[in-house]
C-alpha atoms as a PDB file:
ATOM      1  CA  UNK A   1    -219.834 109.181  -8.523  1.00  0.00           C
ATOM      2  CA  UNK A   2    -218.625 109.474  -4.960  1.00  0.00           C
ATOM      3  CA  UNK A   3    -218.875 106.511  -3.122  1.00  0.00           C
ATOM      4  CA  UNK A   4    -217.811 107.861   0.099  1.00  0.00           C
ATOM      5  CA  UNK A   5    -220.987 109.763   0.366  1.00  0.00           C
ATOM      6  CA  UNK A   6    -222.878 106.026   0.321  1.00  0.00           C
ATOM      7  CA  UNK A   7    -220.657 104.836   3.296  1.00  0.00           C
ATOM      8  CA  UNK A   8    -222.612 104.372   6.472  1.00  0.00           C
ATOM      9  CA  UNK A   9    -220.585 105.361   9.308  1.00  0.00           C
ATOM     10  CA  UNK A  10    -220.132 102.576  11.914  1.00  0.00           C
ATOM     11  CA  UNK A  11    -217.998 104.470  14.513  1.00  0.00           C
ATOM     12  CA  UNK A  12    -216.655 108.129  15.207  1.00  0.00           C
ATOM     13  CA  UNK A  13    -212.826 107.730  16.192  1.00  0.00           C
ATOM     14  CA  UNK A  14    -211.492 111.064  17.832  1.00  0.00           C
ATOM     15  CA  UNK A  15    -208.051 109.799  18.367  1.00  0.00           C
ATOM     16  CA  UNK A  16    -205.696 107.004  18.745  1.00  0.00           C
ATOM     17  CA  UNK A  17    -202.585 107.421  20.970  1.00  0.00           C
ATOM     18  CA  UNK A  18    -199.757 104.880  22.300  1.00  0.00           C
ATOM     19  CA  UNK A  19    -198.341 105.360  25.806  1.00  0.00           C
ATOM     20  CA  UNK A  20    -196.182 102.650  27.057  1.00  0.00           C
ATOM     21  CA  UNK A  21    -197.629  99.478  26.478  1.00  0.00           C
ATOM     22  CA  UNK A  22    -201.046 100.537  25.724  1.00  0.00           C
ATOM     23  CA  UNK A  23    -203.117 101.740  22.652  1.00  0.00           C
ATOM     24  CA  UNK A  24    -205.574 104.460  23.648  1.00  0.00           C
ATOM     25  CA  UNK A  25    -208.506 105.023  21.461  1.00  0.00           C
ATOM     26  CA  UNK A  26    -211.339 107.337  21.829  1.00  0.00           C
ATOM     27  CA  UNK A  27    -214.429 105.685  19.944  1.00  0.00           C
ATOM     28  CA  UNK A  28    -218.028 107.302  20.013  1.00  0.00           C
ATOM     29  CA  UNK A  29    -216.984 109.532  22.966  1.00  0.00           C
ATOM     30  CA  UNK A  30    -215.663 107.032  25.078  1.00  0.00           C
ATOM     31  CA  UNK A  31    -211.984 106.114  25.529  1.00  0.00           C
ATOM     32  CA  UNK A  32    -210.645 102.582  25.624  1.00  0.00           C
ATOM     33  CA  UNK A  33    -207.250 101.301  26.985  1.00  0.00           C
ATOM     34  CA  UNK A  34    -205.604  98.139  25.220  1.00  0.00           C
ATOM     35  CA  UNK A  35    -202.572  96.530  25.828  1.00  0.00           C
ATOM     36  CA  UNK A  36    -200.740  96.695  22.483  1.00  0.00           C
ATOM     37  CA  UNK A  37    -199.527  92.838  22.713  1.00  0.00           C
ATOM     38  CA  UNK A  38    -203.044  91.717  23.095  1.00  0.00           C
ATOM     39  CA  UNK A  39    -204.209  93.971  20.050  1.00  0.00           C
ATOM     40  CA  UNK A  40    -201.393  93.064  17.650  1.00  0.00           C
ATOM     41  CA  UNK A  41    -198.063  91.379  17.830  1.00  0.00           C
ATOM     42  CA  UNK A  42    -196.948  93.741  14.969  1.00  0.00           C
ATOM     43  CA  UNK A  43    -197.962  96.898  16.595  1.00  0.00           C
ATOM     44  CA  UNK A  44    -196.185  95.633  19.734  1.00  0.00           C
ATOM     45  CA  UNK A  45    -192.983  95.226  17.744  1.00  0.00           C
ATOM     46  CA  UNK A  46    -193.298  98.513  15.742  1.00  0.00           C
ATOM     47  CA  UNK A  47    -191.482 101.546  15.873  1.00  0.00           C
ATOM     48  CA  UNK A  48    -192.712 104.828  17.181  1.00  0.00           C
ATOM     49  CA  UNK A  49    -193.029 106.104  13.234  1.00  0.00           C
ATOM     50  CA  UNK A  50    -194.616 102.732  12.098  1.00  0.00           C
ATOM     51  CA  UNK A  51    -197.136 102.768  14.989  1.00  0.00           C
ATOM     52  CA  UNK A  52    -198.326 106.430  13.929  1.00  0.00           C
ATOM     53  CA  UNK A  53    -198.674 105.856  10.367  1.00  0.00           C
ATOM     54  CA  UNK A  54    -202.187 104.633  10.216  1.00  0.00           C
ATOM     55  CA  UNK A  55    -205.462 105.585   8.364  1.00  0.00           C
ATOM     56  CA  UNK A  56    -208.892 105.276   9.895  1.00  0.00           C
ATOM     57  CA  UNK A  57    -211.467 103.657   7.561  1.00  0.00           C
ATOM     58  CA  UNK A  58    -214.074 106.302   5.893  1.00  0.00           C
ATOM     59  CA  UNK A  59    -216.835 104.347   7.695  1.00  0.00           C
ATOM     60  CA  UNK A  60    -215.044 104.083  10.952  1.00  0.00           C
ATOM     61  CA  UNK A  61    -215.123 100.246  11.056  1.00  0.00           C
ATOM     62  CA  UNK A  62    -211.095  99.545  11.143  1.00  0.00           C
ATOM     63  CA  UNK A  63    -207.644 100.988  11.193  1.00  0.00           C
ATOM     64  CA  UNK A  64    -205.146 100.277   8.662  1.00  0.00           C
ATOM     65  CA  UNK A  65    -201.218 100.674   9.376  1.00  0.00           C
ATOM     66  CA  UNK A  66    -199.707 100.907   6.017  1.00  0.00           C
ATOM     67  CA  UNK A  67    -196.020 100.413   6.804  1.00  0.00           C
ATOM     68  CA  UNK A  68    -196.890  97.257   9.056  1.00  0.00           C
ATOM     69  CA  UNK A  69    -199.542  95.940   6.445  1.00  0.00           C
ATOM     70  CA  UNK A  70    -201.744  95.636   9.718  1.00  0.00           C
ATOM     71  CA  UNK A  71    -205.571  96.093   9.969  1.00  0.00           C
ATOM     72  CA  UNK A  72    -207.805  96.132  12.995  1.00  0.00           C
ATOM     73  CA  UNK A  73    -211.297  96.501  13.592  1.00  0.00           C
ATOM     74  CA  UNK A  74    -212.785  98.958  15.865  1.00  0.00           C
ATOM     75  CA  UNK A  75    -215.249  96.609  17.055  1.00  0.00           C
ATOM     76  CA  UNK A  76    -212.433  94.043  18.027  1.00  0.00           C
ATOM     77  CA  UNK A  77    -210.574  96.832  19.889  1.00  0.00           C
ATOM     78  CA  UNK A  78    -213.262  97.880  21.770  1.00  0.00           C
ATOM     79  CA  UNK A  79    -214.100  94.158  22.607  1.00  0.00           C
ATOM     80  CA  UNK A  80    -210.518  93.467  23.914  1.00  0.00           C
ATOM     81  CA  UNK A  81    -210.687  96.756  26.174  1.00  0.00           C
ATOM     82  CA  UNK A  82    -213.696  95.597  27.845  1.00  0.00           C
ATOM     83  CA  UNK A  83    -212.338  91.932  28.656  1.00  0.00           C
ATOM     84  CA  UNK A  84    -209.260  93.122  30.328  1.00  0.00           C
END
């Protein structure tokens, strides 16, 4: 049984970029800019290779950085962007 077909999509993430001290993420057609340090101290200290090794969850609810063992929710990142 393929369980991925049963996962409800929460968000559609088009891209994630790191520019200077910011994480830039496009979610549901909108772009958000978050200070990396505010989002995650692990990401703030990470190398470019570590930052760019991520997976977006199949349902679009979170991002996992395998090399950092770090998980962030899309809703949390959007909230952080709107509060800056």
